[in-house]
N, C-alpha and C. Protein backbone atom coordinates (compact mmCIF):
# COMPACT_ATOMS: atom_id res chain seq x y z
N MET A 1 110.31 94.35 68.47
CA MET A 1 109.25 93.22 69.07
C MET A 1 108.31 93.92 68.93
N SER A 2 107.04 93.87 68.26
CA SER A 2 105.65 94.08 67.55
C SER A 2 105.03 94.61 68.84
N LEU A 3 104.02 95.79 68.07
CA LEU A 3 102.47 95.13 69.43
C LEU A 3 101.50 94.59 69.01
N ALA A 4 102.59 92.92 68.40
CA ALA A 4 101.69 91.94 69.02
C ALA A 4 101.39 91.22 70.21
N ASP A 5 103.20 91.80 70.60
CA ASP A 5 104.54 91.44 71.48
C ASP A 5 104.40 91.78 72.43
N LEU A 6 103.71 93.03 72.65
CA LEU A 6 103.33 93.98 73.88
C LEU A 6 102.28 93.65 75.30
N PRO A 7 101.97 92.94 76.32
CA PRO A 7 100.77 93.16 77.55
C PRO A 7 99.91 93.60 76.88
N ASP A 8 98.27 92.68 77.01
CA ASP A 8 97.51 93.30 76.70
C ASP A 8 97.09 94.73 77.35
N ASP A 9 97.36 94.97 78.44
CA ASP A 9 97.18 96.15 79.01
C ASP A 9 98.07 96.96 78.91
N VAL A 10 99.34 96.98 78.73
CA VAL A 10 99.77 98.15 77.32
C VAL A 10 99.57 98.23 76.45
N LEU A 11 99.19 97.55 75.67
CA LEU A 11 97.79 97.98 74.35
C LEU A 11 97.09 99.10 74.52
N ALA A 12 95.99 98.80 75.23
CA ALA A 12 94.41 99.04 76.08
C ALA A 12 94.74 99.69 76.01
N THR A 13 96.14 100.45 76.69
CA THR A 13 96.22 101.86 77.36
C THR A 13 96.75 102.65 76.33
N ILE A 14 97.85 102.27 74.98
CA ILE A 14 97.59 102.24 73.28
C ILE A 14 97.24 103.23 72.64
N LEU A 15 95.73 102.41 72.84
CA LEU A 15 94.99 102.83 72.09
C LEU A 15 94.30 103.59 72.92
N GLU A 16 93.71 104.00 74.35
CA GLU A 16 92.81 104.80 74.46
C GLU A 16 93.05 106.35 74.94
N TYR A 17 94.75 105.92 75.16
CA TYR A 17 95.87 108.00 74.61
C TYR A 17 94.90 108.25 73.14
N TYR A 18 95.48 107.16 72.20
CA TYR A 18 95.50 108.20 70.77
C TYR A 18 93.89 107.68 70.22
N PHE A 19 93.47 106.65 70.66
CA PHE A 19 91.67 106.99 70.39
C PHE A 19 90.65 106.91 71.40
N VAL A 20 90.53 107.09 72.50
CA VAL A 20 89.77 107.42 73.46
C VAL A 20 89.66 109.53 73.30
N LYS A 21 88.20 109.86 73.19
CA LYS A 21 88.10 110.66 73.40
C LYS A 21 88.03 111.05 74.69
N PRO A 22 87.78 111.71 76.34
CA PRO A 22 89.42 112.90 76.20
C PRO A 22 90.43 111.65 76.63
N ARG A 23 91.53 112.38 76.16
CA ARG A 23 93.05 111.74 76.42
C ARG A 23 93.26 111.40 78.01
N VAL A 24 91.74 111.62 79.34
CA VAL A 24 92.45 111.76 80.00
C VAL A 24 92.76 110.25 80.92
N THR A 25 91.77 109.49 80.04
CA THR A 25 90.76 108.44 80.80
C THR A 25 92.90 107.66 80.24
N GLY A 26 93.19 107.61 78.43
CA GLY A 26 94.85 106.64 79.07
C GLY A 26 95.78 107.22 79.58
N MET A 27 95.48 108.83 79.88
CA MET A 27 96.86 109.66 80.34
C MET A 27 96.96 108.52 82.31
N ASN A 28 95.81 108.61 82.33
CA ASN A 28 95.84 108.08 84.18
C ASN A 28 95.77 106.86 83.90
N ASN A 29 95.99 106.08 83.42
CA ASN A 29 96.10 105.01 82.76
C ASN A 29 97.85 105.03 82.90
N LEU A 30 98.51 105.41 82.12
CA LEU A 30 100.11 105.62 81.73
C LEU A 30 100.14 105.78 82.90
N LYS A 31 100.14 107.28 84.07
CA LYS A 31 100.50 107.25 84.43
C LYS A 31 100.26 106.55 85.94
N MET A 32 99.72 105.72 86.79
CA MET A 32 99.47 104.73 87.48
C MET A 32 100.22 103.68 86.88
N ALA A 33 100.91 102.96 85.33
CA ALA A 33 101.74 102.05 85.44
C ALA A 33 102.57 103.05 85.34
N ALA A 34 103.89 104.05 85.54
CA ALA A 34 104.83 104.53 85.77
C ALA A 34 104.70 104.43 87.23
N ASP A 35 103.78 105.52 87.18
CA ASP A 35 104.19 105.48 89.59
C ASP A 35 104.17 104.48 89.60
N ALA A 36 104.00 102.65 89.26
CA ALA A 36 103.86 101.23 89.94
C ALA A 36 105.20 100.94 89.42
N GLY A 37 105.82 101.65 88.83
CA GLY A 37 107.46 100.84 88.04
C GLY A 37 107.48 100.01 86.74
N HIS A 38 106.19 100.37 85.98
CA HIS A 38 106.49 99.13 85.26
C HIS A 38 107.45 99.91 84.39
N CYS A 39 108.50 99.25 83.09
CA CYS A 39 109.15 100.32 82.53
C CYS A 39 108.06 100.69 80.94
N GLU A 40 107.40 100.28 80.49
CA GLU A 40 106.83 100.03 79.65
C GLU A 40 105.57 100.95 79.70
N GLY A 41 105.34 101.44 81.21
CA GLY A 41 104.43 102.84 81.61
C GLY A 41 104.90 103.73 81.61
N MET A 42 106.87 104.03 82.53
CA MET A 42 107.54 105.02 82.58
C MET A 42 107.76 105.08 81.04
N TYR A 43 108.12 104.15 80.25
CA TYR A 43 108.44 105.58 78.90
C TYR A 43 107.76 106.04 78.12
N LEU A 44 106.65 104.92 77.80
CA LEU A 44 104.70 106.05 77.14
C LEU A 44 104.32 106.90 77.96
N TYR A 45 104.52 106.77 79.10
CA TYR A 45 104.27 107.84 79.74
C TYR A 45 104.74 109.43 79.79
N GLY A 46 106.50 109.23 79.43
CA GLY A 46 107.12 110.46 79.67
C GLY A 46 107.25 110.52 78.73
N MET A 47 107.30 109.79 77.38
CA MET A 47 106.93 110.62 76.00
C MET A 47 105.86 110.71 75.78
N ALA A 48 104.33 110.25 76.32
CA ALA A 48 102.98 111.37 76.05
C ALA A 48 103.82 112.19 76.67
N LEU A 49 103.98 112.29 77.86
CA LEU A 49 103.85 113.84 78.66
C LEU A 49 105.06 114.75 77.50
N ILE A 50 106.05 114.71 77.07
CA ILE A 50 106.76 114.78 75.84
C ILE A 50 106.55 115.56 74.61
N ASN A 51 105.28 114.99 74.49
CA ASN A 51 105.39 115.19 72.88
C ASN A 51 103.56 116.16 73.29
N GLU A 52 103.29 115.88 74.94
CA GLU A 52 102.50 117.05 74.60
C GLU A 52 103.42 118.79 74.91
N LYS A 53 104.19 118.58 75.47
CA LYS A 53 104.97 119.52 76.15
C LYS A 53 105.27 119.89 76.85
N GLN A 54 105.28 118.78 77.71
CA GLN A 54 105.52 119.07 79.02
C GLN A 54 106.66 118.18 79.73
N LEU A 55 107.71 118.98 79.26
CA LEU A 55 108.97 118.55 79.22
C LEU A 55 109.37 118.83 80.74
N THR A 56 109.19 118.79 81.29
CA THR A 56 110.50 118.54 82.23
C THR A 56 109.24 117.67 83.10
N GLU A 57 108.24 117.64 83.62
CA GLU A 57 107.75 115.89 83.76
C GLU A 57 108.15 114.76 82.87
N GLY A 58 107.77 115.35 81.66
CA GLY A 58 107.94 114.06 80.71
C GLY A 58 110.01 113.02 80.95
N SER A 59 110.70 114.02 81.12
CA SER A 59 111.33 113.69 81.19
C SER A 59 112.05 113.18 82.12
N TYR A 60 111.66 114.05 83.67
CA TYR A 60 111.48 113.06 84.69
C TYR A 60 111.21 111.40 85.46
N TYR A 61 110.25 111.32 83.45
CA TYR A 61 110.18 109.99 84.17
C TYR A 61 110.96 108.99 82.85
N ILE A 62 111.22 109.75 82.30
CA ILE A 62 112.19 109.02 81.06
C ILE A 62 113.88 108.45 81.98
N GLU A 63 114.24 109.77 82.56
CA GLU A 63 115.10 109.62 83.35
C GLU A 63 114.71 108.89 84.76
N LYS A 64 113.82 108.19 85.58
CA LYS A 64 113.62 107.73 86.59
C LYS A 64 114.02 105.76 86.27
N LEU A 65 113.05 105.39 84.70
CA LEU A 65 113.43 104.76 84.38
C LEU A 65 114.70 104.09 83.72
N TRP A 66 115.53 105.05 83.83
CA TRP A 66 116.89 104.14 82.91
C TRP A 66 117.62 104.27 84.30
N THR A 67 117.27 105.31 85.44
CA THR A 67 117.93 105.38 86.60
C THR A 67 117.65 103.81 87.77
N GLU A 68 116.28 103.18 87.78
CA GLU A 68 116.00 102.83 88.58
C GLU A 68 116.19 101.50 87.47
N ARG A 69 116.15 101.26 86.78
CA ARG A 69 114.89 100.70 85.15
C ARG A 69 115.44 100.12 84.93
N GLY A 70 117.04 100.71 84.70
CA GLY A 70 117.52 100.59 83.64
C GLY A 70 118.32 98.99 82.92
N ASP A 71 118.83 98.29 83.54
CA ASP A 71 119.57 96.13 83.38
C ASP A 71 118.60 96.09 83.61
N GLU A 72 117.77 96.07 83.13
CA GLU A 72 116.27 94.87 83.19
C GLU A 72 115.64 95.28 82.33
N HIS A 73 116.08 96.52 81.11
CA HIS A 73 115.54 96.50 79.28
C HIS A 73 117.02 96.15 78.30
N LYS A 74 117.81 95.84 78.67
CA LYS A 74 118.60 95.62 77.54
C LYS A 74 118.30 95.11 76.58
N GLY A 75 118.79 94.74 75.44
CA GLY A 75 117.87 93.84 74.83
C GLY A 75 116.61 93.58 74.22
N ILE A 76 115.79 95.16 74.64
CA ILE A 76 114.50 95.28 74.11
C ILE A 76 115.11 95.92 72.72
N PRO A 77 114.86 96.21 72.28
CA PRO A 77 115.36 96.86 70.72
C PRO A 77 114.12 98.91 70.87
N TRP A 78 113.63 98.29 71.70
CA TRP A 78 112.30 100.01 71.17
C TRP A 78 112.53 100.28 73.16
N LEU A 79 113.73 100.08 73.41
CA LEU A 79 113.51 100.47 74.45
C LEU A 79 114.84 100.98 75.08
């Protein structure tokens, strides 16, 4: 899967997180997507938190992804 295959809202959120200052907007959008149960949102938000050294909360979202939605993304190479 490449960036071109991602839904527009996921791609926009990734761009906001990395290139818009402050990062609050991107993180808020990722959190909303993660809390709404979107697989990509849970993965990206969890990894962003881990990147920001918030290991406990980040690992919560990664674990939630695999326990609640694990069967949905079999065969998706980047998840």
